[in-house]
Every structure is written in C-alpha cells, then in structure tokens.
Amino acid sequence: MSKIDTSDWQRLSFSVGEVNRTVEVSLRAECDLWLTDLELLTAIWQSKERFLRMGELRDLLLLTPSGLTRVVDRLVRRKLLRRVTVSVDKRGSAVAMTPLGFATYLRAKEVCDLALQSALADKLSGTQLRTLIRTLQPATTPNRT
C-alpha cells in the first residue's frame, strides 16, 4: 500500500482547485454559469432518458439536498431546465434540459474544453495527462453497493 500524507493531499487538492477556478472563471465570463451548473447539465445530457431525478443528481454531483435545490432553481429560473413528473412514480421529482439549456450546455462545454486545454493540456505532455487520468481513475470511481 502506498503512503500519503496531508502535504500530498494538500498539493493534489490545490491543483484540482486551481483547475476548477480556471474553468469557472471562463464559464462565468462566457456563459454566466458556475462549474456546478455545467456539472448538472452534463449529468442530464449524459443520462439515457435526458432527465434525472433529484436523488440521482444529488448522488452524481455530491451535493446536499438544499445545495442541489438551489442549483436547480437557478437553472429553472434561467429556463435552462424544466421540472418534469416521472411517469412511473408520480411522487418523484426530476429535471430535464430545455432547448435553451441544451444550447447553453454545448457552448459551456466548448468553453470548459478550452479552459482545460490552457489549465492542463498546455502544461502537461500527452503522456503525463493520460497517466494522471489513468492513475486517478480508481480513486474517483464511485463505490456504490
């Protein structure tokens, strides 16, 4: 087993924070979105049904129920999301992207990709970037039972 200490964790956390900050500054300037907004839109875009229940979103985004509600409410007010009733379980609450949300998502993804290029890809070789992604994969895969 490898040994890690708090200084290693701090370096990793700081690096991730710097990349997130770079992406968020670009998203705010170009799309008026927060990084969490893009993460939520991405989760819905990647879902098979193109909608997700609130509980599914909360698990995917690692947000508290109240934090998720604030993000969803903000995106609903901006007409990027709409609330939908789940036909199988009418008690369930879900959200789906609107056409404006879809267009905004595509633009935000472009902005994010460019920001990631400057924050990571321009600073690391292709080999370093692939190694970083491959190395972190086991630590970032949800352990759901």
C-alpha atoms as a PDB file:
ATOM      1  CA  MET A   1       0.000   0.000   0.000  1.00  0.00           C
ATOM      2  CA  SER A   2       1.278   3.470  -0.865  1.00  0.00           C
ATOM      3  CA  LYS A   3       1.734   6.066   1.810  1.00  0.00           C
ATOM      4  CA  ILE A   4       0.170   9.508   1.517  1.00  0.00           C
ATOM      5  CA  ASP A   5       0.286  12.359   3.995  1.00  0.00           C
ATOM      6  CA  THR A   6      -1.541  15.653   4.392  1.00  0.00           C
ATOM      7  CA  SER A   7       1.017  17.620   2.377  1.00  0.00           C
ATOM      8  CA  ASP A   8       0.455  15.273  -0.589  1.00  0.00           C
ATOM      9  CA  TRP A   9      -3.295  15.694  -0.200  1.00  0.00           C
ATOM     10  CA  GLN A  10      -2.944  19.478   0.017  1.00  0.00           C
ATOM     11  CA  ARG A  11      -0.904  19.596  -3.222  1.00  0.00           C
ATOM     12  CA  LEU A  12      -3.494  17.459  -5.014  1.00  0.00           C
ATOM     13  CA  SER A  13      -6.397  19.466  -3.614  1.00  0.00           C
ATOM     14  CA  PHE A  14      -4.725  22.767  -4.529  1.00  0.00           C
ATOM     15  CA  SER A  15      -4.046  21.559  -8.080  1.00  0.00           C
ATOM     16  CA  VAL A  16      -7.646  20.470  -8.593  1.00  0.00           C
ATOM     17  CA  GLY A  17      -8.845  23.755  -7.073  1.00  0.00           C
ATOM     18  CA  GLU A  18      -6.679  25.764  -9.475  1.00  0.00           C
ATOM     19  CA  VAL A  19      -8.018  23.885 -12.499  1.00  0.00           C
ATOM     20  CA  ASN A  20     -11.597  24.304 -11.241  1.00  0.00           C
ATOM     21  CA  ARG A  21     -11.010  28.018 -10.683  1.00  0.00           C
ATOM     22  CA  THR A  22      -9.664  28.434 -14.231  1.00  0.00           C
ATOM     23  CA  VAL A  23     -12.673  26.628 -15.694  1.00  0.00           C
ATOM     24  CA  GLU A  24     -15.171  28.523 -13.543  1.00  0.00           C
ATOM     25  CA  VAL A  25     -13.725  31.954 -14.417  1.00  0.00           C
ATOM     26  CA  SER A  26     -14.135  31.105 -18.096  1.00  0.00           C
ATOM     27  CA  LEU A  27     -17.649  29.717 -17.608  1.00  0.00           C
ATOM     28  CA  ARG A  28     -18.742  32.799 -15.658  1.00  0.00           C
ATOM     29  CA  ALA A  29     -17.328  35.186 -18.265  1.00  0.00           C
ATOM     30  CA  GLU A  30     -18.529  33.353 -21.376  1.00  0.00           C
ATOM     31  CA  CYS A  31     -21.753  31.623 -20.287  1.00  0.00           C
ATOM     32  CA  ASP A  32     -22.774  33.118 -16.929  1.00  0.00           C
ATOM     33  CA  LEU A  33     -22.602  29.617 -15.427  1.00  0.00           C
ATOM     34  CA  TRP A  34     -20.966  28.175 -12.346  1.00  0.00           C
ATOM     35  CA  LEU A  35     -18.965  24.966 -12.610  1.00  0.00           C
ATOM     36  CA  THR A  36     -21.703  23.140 -10.664  1.00  0.00           C
ATOM     37  CA  ASP A  37     -24.237  24.321 -13.267  1.00  0.00           C
ATOM     38  CA  LEU A  38     -22.171  22.724 -16.026  1.00  0.00           C
ATOM     39  CA  GLU A  39     -21.723  19.540 -13.999  1.00  0.00           C
ATOM     40  CA  LEU A  40     -25.505  19.299 -13.571  1.00  0.00           C
ATOM     41  CA  LEU A  41     -26.213  19.989 -17.266  1.00  0.00           C
ATOM     42  CA  THR A  42     -23.566  17.404 -18.219  1.00  0.00           C
ATOM     43  CA  ALA A  43     -25.142  14.773 -15.960  1.00  0.00           C
ATOM     44  CA  ILE A  44     -28.533  15.292 -17.608  1.00  0.00           C
ATOM     45  CA  TRP A  45     -27.023  15.318 -21.104  1.00  0.00           C
ATOM     46  CA  GLN A  46     -25.263  12.010 -20.403  1.00  0.00           C
ATOM     47  CA  SER A  47     -28.374  10.335 -18.983  1.00  0.00           C
ATOM     48  CA  LYS A  48     -30.161   7.889 -21.271  1.00  0.00           C
ATOM     49  CA  GLU A  49     -33.582   9.496 -20.740  1.00  0.00           C
ATOM     50  CA  ARG A  50     -32.249  13.101 -20.889  1.00  0.00           C
ATOM     51  CA  PHE A  51     -33.732  13.736 -17.449  1.00  0.00           C
ATOM     52  CA  LEU A  52     -32.672  12.788 -13.941  1.00  0.00           C
ATOM     53  CA  ARG A  53     -34.424  12.506 -10.615  1.00  0.00           C
ATOM     54  CA  MET A  54     -33.261  14.872  -7.913  1.00  0.00           C
ATOM     55  CA  GLY A  55     -31.846  11.989  -5.848  1.00  0.00           C
ATOM     56  CA  GLU A  56     -29.812  10.755  -8.813  1.00  0.00           C
ATOM     57  CA  LEU A  57     -28.447  14.248  -9.407  1.00  0.00           C
ATOM     58  CA  ARG A  58     -27.578  14.661  -5.745  1.00  0.00           C
ATOM     59  CA  ASP A  59     -25.581  11.419  -5.800  1.00  0.00           C
ATOM     60  CA  LEU A  60     -23.808  12.262  -9.056  1.00  0.00           C
ATOM     61  CA  LEU A  61     -22.902  15.810  -8.033  1.00  0.00           C
ATOM     62  CA  LEU A  62     -22.205  15.087  -4.353  1.00  0.00           C
ATOM     63  CA  LEU A  63     -24.416  17.985  -3.265  1.00  0.00           C
ATOM     64  CA  THR A  64     -26.612  18.341  -0.217  1.00  0.00           C
ATOM     65  CA  PRO A  65     -30.358  18.320  -0.920  1.00  0.00           C
ATOM     66  CA  SER A  66     -30.568  22.072  -0.276  1.00  0.00           C
ATOM     67  CA  GLY A  67     -27.484  22.751  -2.424  1.00  0.00           C
ATOM     68  CA  LEU A  68     -28.977  20.808  -5.322  1.00  0.00           C
ATOM     69  CA  THR A  69     -32.302  22.600  -4.954  1.00  0.00           C
ATOM     70  CA  ARG A  70     -30.548  25.986  -5.184  1.00  0.00           C
ATOM     71  CA  VAL A  71     -28.687  24.976  -8.352  1.00  0.00           C
ATOM     72  CA  VAL A  72     -31.819  23.511  -9.973  1.00  0.00           C
ATOM     73  CA  ASP A  73     -33.942  26.542  -9.007  1.00  0.00           C
ATOM     74  CA  ARG A  74     -31.338  28.886 -10.515  1.00  0.00           C
ATOM     75  CA  LEU A  75     -31.261  26.941 -13.792  1.00  0.00           C
ATOM     76  CA  VAL A  76     -35.069  26.670 -13.925  1.00  0.00           C
ATOM     77  CA  ARG A  77     -35.338  30.478 -13.469  1.00  0.00           C
ATOM     78  CA  ARG A  78     -32.916  30.904 -16.385  1.00  0.00           C
ATOM     79  CA  LYS A  79     -35.066  28.493 -18.432  1.00  0.00           C
ATOM     80  CA  LEU A  80     -32.166  26.065 -18.888  1.00  0.00           C
ATOM     81  CA  LEU A  81     -34.029  23.295 -17.033  1.00  0.00           C
ATOM     82  CA  ARG A  82     -37.652  22.330 -16.533  1.00  0.00           C
ATOM     83  CA  ARG A  83     -39.165  20.193 -13.841  1.00  0.00           C
ATOM     84  CA  VAL A  84     -40.831  17.010 -15.056  1.00  0.00           C
ATOM     85  CA  THR A  85     -43.059  14.415 -13.462  1.00  0.00           C
ATOM     86  CA  VAL A  86     -41.728  10.892 -13.521  1.00  0.00           C
ATOM     87  CA  SER A  87     -44.417   8.766 -15.177  1.00  0.00           C
ATOM     88  CA  VAL A  88     -43.536   5.567 -13.289  1.00  0.00           C
ATOM     89  CA  ASP A  89     -43.645   7.239  -9.882  1.00  0.00           C
ATOM     90  CA  LYS A  90     -45.715  10.430  -9.789  1.00  0.00           C
ATOM     91  CA  ARG A  91     -44.197  11.254  -6.389  1.00  0.00           C
ATOM     92  CA  GLY A  92     -40.765  11.534  -7.963  1.00  0.00           C
ATOM     93  CA  SER A  93     -39.321  14.867  -8.994  1.00  0.00           C
ATOM     94  CA  ALA A  94     -36.982  15.132 -11.961  1.00  0.00           C
ATOM     95  CA  VAL A  95     -35.447  17.799 -14.167  1.00  0.00           C
ATOM     96  CA  ALA A  96     -34.774  17.914 -17.899  1.00  0.00           C
ATOM     97  CA  MET A  97     -32.900  20.324 -20.142  1.00  0.00           C
ATOM     98  CA  THR A  98     -34.819  22.808 -22.236  1.00  0.00           C
ATOM     99  CA  PRO A  99     -33.725  23.661 -25.801  1.00  0.00           C
ATOM    100  CA  LEU A 100     -32.033  26.777 -24.369  1.00  0.00           C
ATOM    101  CA  GLY A 101     -30.366  24.569 -21.756  1.00  0.00           C
ATOM    102  CA  PHE A 102     -29.102  22.266 -24.488  1.00  0.00           C
ATOM    103  CA  ALA A 103     -27.630  25.174 -26.487  1.00  0.00           C
ATOM    104  CA  THR A 104     -26.102  26.647 -23.329  1.00  0.00           C
ATOM    105  CA  TYR A 105     -24.633  23.260 -22.408  1.00  0.00           C
ATOM    106  CA  LEU A 106     -22.960  22.899 -25.818  1.00  0.00           C
ATOM    107  CA  ARG A 107     -21.445  26.395 -25.556  1.00  0.00           C
ATOM    108  CA  ALA A 108     -20.340  25.823 -21.947  1.00  0.00           C
ATOM    109  CA  LYS A 109     -18.721  22.516 -22.912  1.00  0.00           C
ATOM    110  CA  GLU A 110     -16.686  24.335 -25.587  1.00  0.00           C
ATOM    111  CA  VAL A 111     -15.626  26.967 -23.055  1.00  0.00           C
ATOM    112  CA  CYS A 112     -14.749  24.300 -20.498  1.00  0.00           C
ATOM    113  CA  ASP A 113     -12.707  22.322 -23.029  1.00  0.00           C
ATOM    114  CA  LEU A 114     -10.715  25.451 -23.953  1.00  0.00           C
ATOM    115  CA  ALA A 115     -10.135  26.305 -20.283  1.00  0.00           C
ATOM    116  CA  LEU A 116      -8.993  22.742 -19.576  1.00  0.00           C
ATOM    117  CA  GLN A 117      -6.655  22.967 -22.530  1.00  0.00           C
ATOM    118  CA  SER A 118      -4.948  26.010 -21.023  1.00  0.00           C
ATOM    119  CA  ALA A 119      -5.050  24.710 -17.441  1.00  0.00           C
ATOM    120  CA  LEU A 120      -3.824  21.180 -18.110  1.00  0.00           C
ATOM    121  CA  ALA A 121      -3.107  20.120 -21.663  1.00  0.00           C
ATOM    122  CA  ASP A 122      -0.817  23.070 -22.421  1.00  0.00           C
ATOM    123  CA  LYS A 123       1.192  22.356 -19.256  1.00  0.00           C
ATOM    124  CA  LEU A 124       1.416  18.556 -19.352  1.00  0.00           C
ATOM    125  CA  SER A 125       2.605  16.243 -22.086  1.00  0.00           C
ATOM    126  CA  GLY A 126       0.100  13.835 -23.591  1.00  0.00           C
ATOM    127  CA  THR A 127       1.762  11.001 -21.698  1.00  0.00           C
ATOM    128  CA  GLN A 128       1.595  12.903 -18.393  1.00  0.00           C
ATOM    129  CA  LEU A 129      -2.076  13.757 -18.932  1.00  0.00           C
ATOM    130  CA  ARG A 130      -3.041  10.166 -19.810  1.00  0.00           C
ATOM    131  CA  THR A 131      -1.058   8.887 -16.810  1.00  0.00           C
ATOM    132  CA  LEU A 132      -2.770  11.376 -14.496  1.00  0.00           C
ATOM    133  CA  ILE A 133      -6.228  10.363 -15.694  1.00  0.00           C
ATOM    134  CA  ARG A 134      -5.420   6.640 -15.542  1.00  0.00           C
ATOM    135  CA  THR A 135      -3.844   6.997 -12.091  1.00  0.00           C
ATOM    136  CA  LEU A 136      -6.794   8.868 -10.580  1.00  0.00           C
ATOM    137  CA  GLN A 137      -9.466   6.598 -12.093  1.00  0.00           C
ATOM    138  CA  PRO A 138      -9.595   4.056  -9.222  1.00  0.00           C
ATOM    139  CA  ALA A 139      -9.818   6.859  -6.639  1.00  0.00           C
ATOM    140  CA  THR A 140     -12.657   8.635  -8.450  1.00  0.00           C
ATOM    141  CA  THR A 141     -14.866   5.681  -9.351  1.00  0.00           C
ATOM    142  CA  PRO A 142     -17.905   5.715  -7.048  1.00  0.00           C
ATOM    143  CA  ASN A 143     -18.000   2.765  -4.696  1.00  0.00           C
ATOM    144  CA  ARG A 144     -21.729   2.054  -4.912  1.00  0.00           C
ATOM    145  CA  THR A 145     -23.124  -1.136  -3.454  1.00  0.00           C
END
